[in-house]
Protein backbone atom coordinates (compact mmCIF):
# COMPACT_ATOMS: atom_id res chain seq x y z
CA MET A 1 11.13 100.61 179.26
CA LYS A 2 10.65 99.75 183.11
CA GLN A 3 10.26 95.82 182.47
CA PHE A 4 13.02 95.81 180.96
CA ILE A 5 15.36 97.97 183.43
CA ASP A 6 13.48 95.15 186.01
CA LYS A 7 15.53 92.42 184.36
CA ILE A 8 18.54 93.71 184.55
CA ASP A 9 21.78 92.17 186.29
CA PHE A 10 23.37 95.30 187.47
CA LYS A 11 25.89 93.25 189.14
CA SER A 12 27.15 91.44 185.84
CA LEU A 13 26.84 94.70 183.97
CA ARG A 14 29.69 96.11 185.96
CA LYS A 15 31.59 93.62 185.19
CA GLN A 16 31.03 93.78 181.87
CA LYS A 17 31.63 97.62 181.51
CA THR A 18 34.61 96.82 183.37
CA THR A 19 36.13 94.42 181.05
CA LEU A 20 34.71 96.84 177.93
CA ILE A 21 36.85 99.78 179.50
CA ASN A 22 40.06 97.49 179.64
CA VAL A 23 39.60 96.48 176.05
CA ILE A 24 39.65 100.03 174.76
CA ALA A 25 42.52 101.09 176.87
CA LYS A 26 44.77 98.48 175.21
CA SER A 27 46.85 99.78 173.05
CA THR A 28 46.21 97.01 170.18
CA THR A 29 42.62 98.03 170.04
CA THR A 30 42.05 99.97 166.96
CA LYS A 31 40.62 103.51 166.65
CA THR A 32 37.91 102.16 164.97
CA GLN A 33 37.41 99.41 167.56
CA LYS A 34 37.76 102.18 170.13
CA ASP A 35 35.06 104.68 168.84
CA ASN A 36 32.41 101.49 168.46
CA LEU A 37 32.74 100.18 171.59
CA THR A 38 33.27 103.53 173.84
CA GLY A 39 29.19 104.04 172.02
CA ILE A 40 28.67 100.58 173.63
CA LEU A 41 30.07 102.24 177.11
CA LEU A 42 28.07 105.19 176.75
CA LEU A 43 24.30 103.22 176.36
CA ILE A 44 25.95 101.62 179.37
CA ASP A 45 26.11 104.64 181.12
CA LEU A 46 22.49 105.84 180.12
CA ILE A 47 21.56 102.51 180.91
CA GLN A 48 22.86 102.80 184.42
CA ASP A 49 21.78 106.70 184.83
CA THR A 50 17.77 105.55 183.79
CA ALA A 51 17.37 103.24 186.12
CA VAL A 52 18.87 105.53 188.66
CA ASP A 53 17.47 108.86 187.69
CA LYS A 54 14.08 107.54 186.48
CA TYR A 55 13.40 103.98 187.44
CA GLY A 56 14.09 104.23 191.50
CA PHE A 57 17.54 102.28 191.59
CA THR A 58 19.51 103.56 194.18
CA GLU A 59 23.49 104.37 192.85
CA ASP A 60 24.39 101.76 195.04
CA GLU A 61 22.67 99.05 193.21
CA VAL A 62 23.56 100.08 189.99
CA PHE A 63 27.09 101.59 190.13
CA ASN A 64 28.67 100.31 193.15
CA GLN A 65 32.16 99.00 193.09
CA ILE A 66 32.35 95.52 191.62
CA GLN A 67 33.67 93.55 194.92
CA SER A 68 36.57 90.48 193.95
């Protein structure tokens, strides 16, 4: 698992997560789509939490606000 976490580009993951949140929030997204995408969002949250809680990444590395 550590090797998997080490390969994650957290800056890109944060941008992808933001995009996913924006798609989920759109009124044109169906309930089924929202439910499925929310599941992926929860998986991203778990990966981020695991990186911080178990593998020594700092919260700043993992959760830092996206800078445009």
